[in-house]
């Protein structure tokens, strides 16, 4: 007997899918923002001429990049009670309407640390692609190393690294699906729950696949707009 599709189940469980989508968006947006911040700081450290700063940054990158993300999520979730260590997370949990604060922020922290390590390498490569003459010219104008990096080198590097940065953001969105392993009710979790209650896993998986495609294509579109804006700024300059 052939499989009989019943797409009505998606209407019946639409609220579950919507809630999962909202949770995935929260994980993705917060993850993108903070992983970019951490990745930028560590990437600058990696490109620094300071031995200790470069060493510490390298240790961070090699540690988090070479440990599977799912292992990091399990380790953080089962080792630390984040809501007790950082009580302000409870306030953020209420603000974001998060049911399980510890699971959500454990997954978020793992995503940030893991993706930040990859972004750091992208930032380092972008910084090192800038000609040394730029640095020397800025120094000759009386700027200190921090000013040169912040006002001259880093802005140029960001424009160069937008395409690989986009790939890392897309990876973060897709990797957020691993949060279901520690009980975060995101999109993939919703699929499993619908399948468990209705045995309509194919329909649920199809809907979630489409939602992930929409999320990733939207992110790519936004990053493309940013890249175009940067390019116009360079041409106008």
Protein backbone atom coordinates (compact mmCIF):
# COMPACT_ATOMS: atom_id res chain seq x y z
CA UNK A 1 0.00 0.00 0.00
CA UNK A 2 1.24 3.48 -0.88
CA UNK A 3 1.71 6.25 1.63
CA UNK A 4 -1.30 8.56 1.90
CA UNK A 5 -0.33 12.16 2.55
CA UNK A 6 -2.30 14.18 5.06
CA UNK A 7 -1.19 17.80 4.93
CA UNK A 8 -4.04 18.79 7.23
CA UNK A 9 -1.81 17.77 10.14
CA UNK A 10 0.30 20.87 9.49
CA UNK A 11 -2.74 23.08 10.07
CA UNK A 12 -3.61 21.15 13.21
CA UNK A 13 -0.09 21.59 14.59
CA UNK A 14 0.66 24.98 13.09
CA UNK A 15 1.14 26.62 16.50
CA UNK A 16 3.78 24.04 17.40
CA UNK A 17 5.63 24.81 14.15
CA UNK A 18 5.32 28.55 14.71
CA UNK A 19 6.69 28.25 18.25
CA UNK A 20 9.57 26.13 16.97
CA UNK A 21 10.30 28.66 14.22
CA UNK A 22 10.33 31.54 16.71
CA UNK A 23 12.74 29.65 18.99
CA UNK A 24 15.03 28.87 16.04
CA UNK A 25 15.01 32.55 15.05
CA UNK A 26 15.89 33.58 18.61
CA UNK A 27 18.80 31.13 18.71
CA UNK A 28 19.98 32.19 15.26
CA UNK A 29 19.77 35.96 15.69
CA UNK A 30 21.41 35.99 19.13
CA UNK A 31 23.97 33.44 17.98
CA UNK A 32 24.90 35.47 14.89
CA UNK A 33 25.29 38.71 16.85
CA UNK A 34 27.43 37.35 19.68
CA UNK A 35 29.47 34.89 17.62
CA UNK A 36 30.39 37.76 15.29
CA UNK A 37 31.48 39.89 18.26
CA UNK A 38 33.54 37.10 19.82
CA UNK A 39 34.89 35.96 16.46
CA UNK A 40 35.98 39.51 15.62
CA UNK A 41 37.78 39.97 18.95
CA UNK A 42 39.51 36.60 18.74
CA UNK A 43 40.30 37.07 15.05
CA UNK A 44 42.01 40.38 15.79
CA UNK A 45 43.90 38.60 18.56
CA UNK A 46 44.95 35.88 16.14
CA UNK A 47 46.32 38.49 13.74
CA UNK A 48 48.00 40.43 16.54
CA UNK A 49 51.77 40.60 16.88
CA UNK A 50 51.42 40.13 20.64
CA UNK A 51 52.69 36.63 21.48
CA UNK A 52 50.37 36.03 24.45
CA UNK A 53 47.29 37.49 22.80
CA UNK A 54 47.90 35.41 19.69
CA UNK A 55 48.56 32.30 21.79
CA UNK A 56 45.38 32.66 23.87
CA UNK A 57 43.31 33.34 20.74
CA UNK A 58 44.82 30.33 18.97
CA UNK A 59 44.09 28.11 21.96
CA UNK A 60 40.45 29.22 21.92
CA UNK A 61 40.06 28.58 18.20
CA UNK A 62 41.71 25.16 18.22
CA UNK A 63 39.78 24.07 21.32
CA UNK A 64 36.27 24.95 20.21
CA UNK A 65 36.73 24.27 16.50
CA UNK A 66 37.94 20.71 17.07
CA UNK A 67 35.26 19.59 19.54
CA UNK A 68 31.92 18.52 17.98
CA UNK A 69 29.18 21.06 18.62
CA UNK A 70 26.81 18.48 20.06
CA UNK A 71 29.47 17.48 22.62
CA UNK A 72 29.86 21.12 23.63
CA UNK A 73 26.10 21.46 24.08
CA UNK A 74 25.91 18.36 26.27
CA UNK A 75 28.94 19.44 28.30
CA UNK A 76 27.62 22.95 29.00
CA UNK A 77 24.08 21.76 29.72
CA UNK A 78 24.97 18.89 32.04
CA UNK A 79 27.97 20.56 33.72
CA UNK A 80 26.68 24.06 34.43
CA UNK A 81 23.38 25.45 35.66
CA UNK A 82 23.66 28.72 33.80
CA UNK A 83 20.60 30.32 35.37
CA UNK A 84 22.22 30.00 38.81
CA UNK A 85 25.69 31.07 37.72
CA UNK A 86 24.28 34.03 35.79
CA UNK A 87 20.96 35.01 37.46
CA UNK A 88 20.34 37.74 34.86
CA UNK A 89 19.61 34.97 32.34
CA UNK A 90 16.29 34.38 34.10
CA UNK A 91 15.32 37.97 33.33
CA UNK A 92 16.38 37.50 29.71
CA UNK A 93 14.46 34.23 29.63
CA UNK A 94 11.30 36.01 30.73
CA UNK A 95 11.89 38.79 28.20
CA UNK A 96 12.41 36.28 25.37
CA UNK A 97 9.57 34.03 26.61
CA UNK A 98 11.86 31.03 27.06
CA UNK A 99 10.42 28.06 28.95
CA UNK A 100 13.64 26.17 29.73
CA UNK A 101 16.22 28.87 30.39
CA UNK A 102 19.13 26.51 31.07
CA UNK A 103 18.61 24.43 27.92
CA UNK A 104 18.14 27.46 25.66
CA UNK A 105 21.16 29.40 26.89
CA UNK A 106 23.34 26.27 27.01
CA UNK A 107 22.57 25.69 23.33
CA UNK A 108 23.07 29.37 22.56
CA UNK A 109 26.42 29.51 24.36
CA UNK A 110 27.66 26.41 22.53
CA UNK A 111 26.59 27.88 19.18
CA UNK A 112 28.33 31.18 19.96
CA UNK A 113 31.61 29.62 21.10
CA UNK A 114 31.70 27.09 18.26
CA UNK A 115 30.80 29.48 15.44
CA UNK A 116 32.93 32.24 16.96
CA UNK A 117 36.00 30.04 16.54
CA UNK A 118 35.35 29.71 12.80
CA UNK A 119 34.54 33.40 12.41
CA UNK A 120 37.82 34.23 14.15
CA UNK A 121 39.72 32.42 11.39
CA UNK A 122 37.72 34.27 8.74
CA UNK A 123 38.46 37.62 10.42
CA UNK A 124 42.16 36.75 10.77
CA UNK A 125 42.37 35.92 7.06
CA UNK A 126 40.59 39.17 6.18
CA UNK A 127 42.95 41.25 8.30
CA UNK A 128 46.04 39.60 6.86
CA UNK A 129 44.78 40.22 3.32
CA UNK A 130 45.06 43.98 3.86
CA UNK A 131 48.39 45.31 2.48
CA UNK A 132 50.95 46.20 5.15
CA UNK A 133 51.28 49.60 3.56
CA UNK A 134 47.85 50.49 4.96
CA UNK A 135 49.10 49.86 8.49
CA UNK A 136 52.34 51.74 7.96
CA UNK A 137 50.57 54.71 6.39
CA UNK A 138 48.13 54.96 9.29
CA UNK A 139 50.97 54.70 11.82
CA UNK A 140 52.82 57.49 10.04
CA UNK A 141 49.79 59.72 10.65
CA UNK A 142 50.25 59.27 14.39
CA UNK A 143 47.64 56.57 15.04
CA UNK A 144 48.34 53.92 17.69
CA UNK A 145 47.94 50.22 16.95
CA UNK A 146 44.38 50.08 18.29
CA UNK A 147 43.28 53.06 16.21
CA UNK A 148 44.88 51.61 13.08
CA UNK A 149 43.13 48.28 13.59
CA UNK A 150 39.74 49.78 14.48
CA UNK A 151 39.53 52.64 11.98
CA UNK A 152 41.64 51.43 9.05
CA UNK A 153 42.30 47.68 8.90
CA UNK A 154 39.18 46.08 10.41
CA UNK A 155 36.58 48.01 8.31
CA UNK A 156 38.37 46.93 5.13
CA UNK A 157 38.65 43.36 6.35
CA UNK A 158 34.90 43.18 7.11
CA UNK A 159 34.07 44.11 3.52
CA UNK A 160 36.32 41.34 2.24
CA UNK A 161 35.04 38.62 4.58
CA UNK A 162 31.30 39.10 4.02
CA UNK A 163 30.93 36.03 1.71
CA UNK A 164 32.70 33.54 4.06
CA UNK A 165 31.00 35.24 7.00
CA UNK A 166 27.64 34.55 5.36
CA UNK A 167 28.53 30.85 5.16
CA UNK A 168 29.27 30.77 8.89
CA UNK A 169 25.97 32.47 9.70
CA UNK A 170 24.11 29.93 7.57
CA UNK A 171 25.96 27.11 9.33
CA UNK A 172 24.89 28.52 12.68
CA UNK A 173 21.24 28.56 11.63
CA UNK A 174 21.46 24.92 10.50
CA UNK A 175 23.47 23.87 13.56
CA UNK A 176 20.77 25.31 15.82
CA UNK A 177 18.81 22.12 15.04
CA UNK A 178 21.18 20.28 17.41
CA UNK A 179 19.60 22.19 20.29
CA UNK A 180 16.77 19.65 20.25
CA UNK A 181 19.18 17.10 21.79
CA UNK A 182 19.09 18.99 25.09
CA UNK A 183 15.37 19.68 24.97
CA UNK A 184 15.13 23.06 23.25
CA UNK A 185 11.79 23.18 21.41
CA UNK A 186 13.06 24.55 18.10
CA UNK A 187 12.01 23.55 14.57
CA UNK A 188 13.54 20.08 14.46
CA UNK A 189 12.13 19.32 17.90
CA UNK A 190 8.69 20.27 16.56
CA UNK A 191 9.11 17.77 13.73
CA UNK A 192 9.90 14.97 16.15
CA UNK A 193 6.96 15.86 18.36
CA UNK A 194 4.49 15.94 15.46
CA UNK A 195 5.82 12.62 14.20
CA UNK A 196 5.52 11.06 17.67
CA UNK A 197 1.90 12.18 18.06
CA UNK A 198 0.58 11.67 14.53
CA UNK A 199 3.07 9.41 12.70
CA UNK A 200 3.13 12.08 10.00
CA UNK A 201 6.84 12.67 10.04
CA UNK A 202 7.16 13.22 6.28
CA UNK A 203 4.66 16.06 6.24
CA UNK A 204 6.25 17.67 9.31
CA UNK A 205 9.77 17.28 7.90
CA UNK A 206 8.68 18.82 4.60
CA UNK A 207 7.23 21.86 6.34
CA UNK A 208 10.34 22.32 8.52
CA UNK A 209 12.62 21.93 5.50
CA UNK A 210 10.77 24.74 3.72
CA UNK A 211 11.01 26.94 6.82
CA UNK A 212 14.77 26.35 7.07
CA UNK A 213 15.16 27.22 3.40
CA UNK A 214 13.24 30.46 3.97
CA UNK A 215 15.46 31.31 6.96
CA UNK A 216 18.72 30.64 5.16
CA UNK A 217 17.70 32.37 1.93
CA UNK A 218 16.54 35.41 3.92
CA UNK A 219 19.90 35.53 5.69
CA UNK A 220 21.77 35.23 2.39
CA UNK A 221 19.63 38.02 0.92
CA UNK A 222 20.35 40.36 3.84
CA UNK A 223 24.09 39.63 3.70
CA UNK A 224 24.09 40.24 -0.06
CA UNK A 225 22.48 43.64 0.52
CA UNK A 226 25.16 44.44 3.10
CA UNK A 227 27.89 43.40 0.68
CA UNK A 228 26.39 45.58 -2.09
CA UNK A 229 26.22 48.53 0.31
CA UNK A 230 29.87 48.06 1.30
CA UNK A 231 30.87 47.82 -2.35
CA UNK A 232 29.04 51.04 -3.23
CA UNK A 233 30.74 52.76 -0.31
CA UNK A 234 34.15 51.72 -1.62
CA UNK A 235 33.35 52.89 -5.16
CA UNK A 236 32.06 56.26 -3.89
CA UNK A 237 35.20 56.66 -1.81
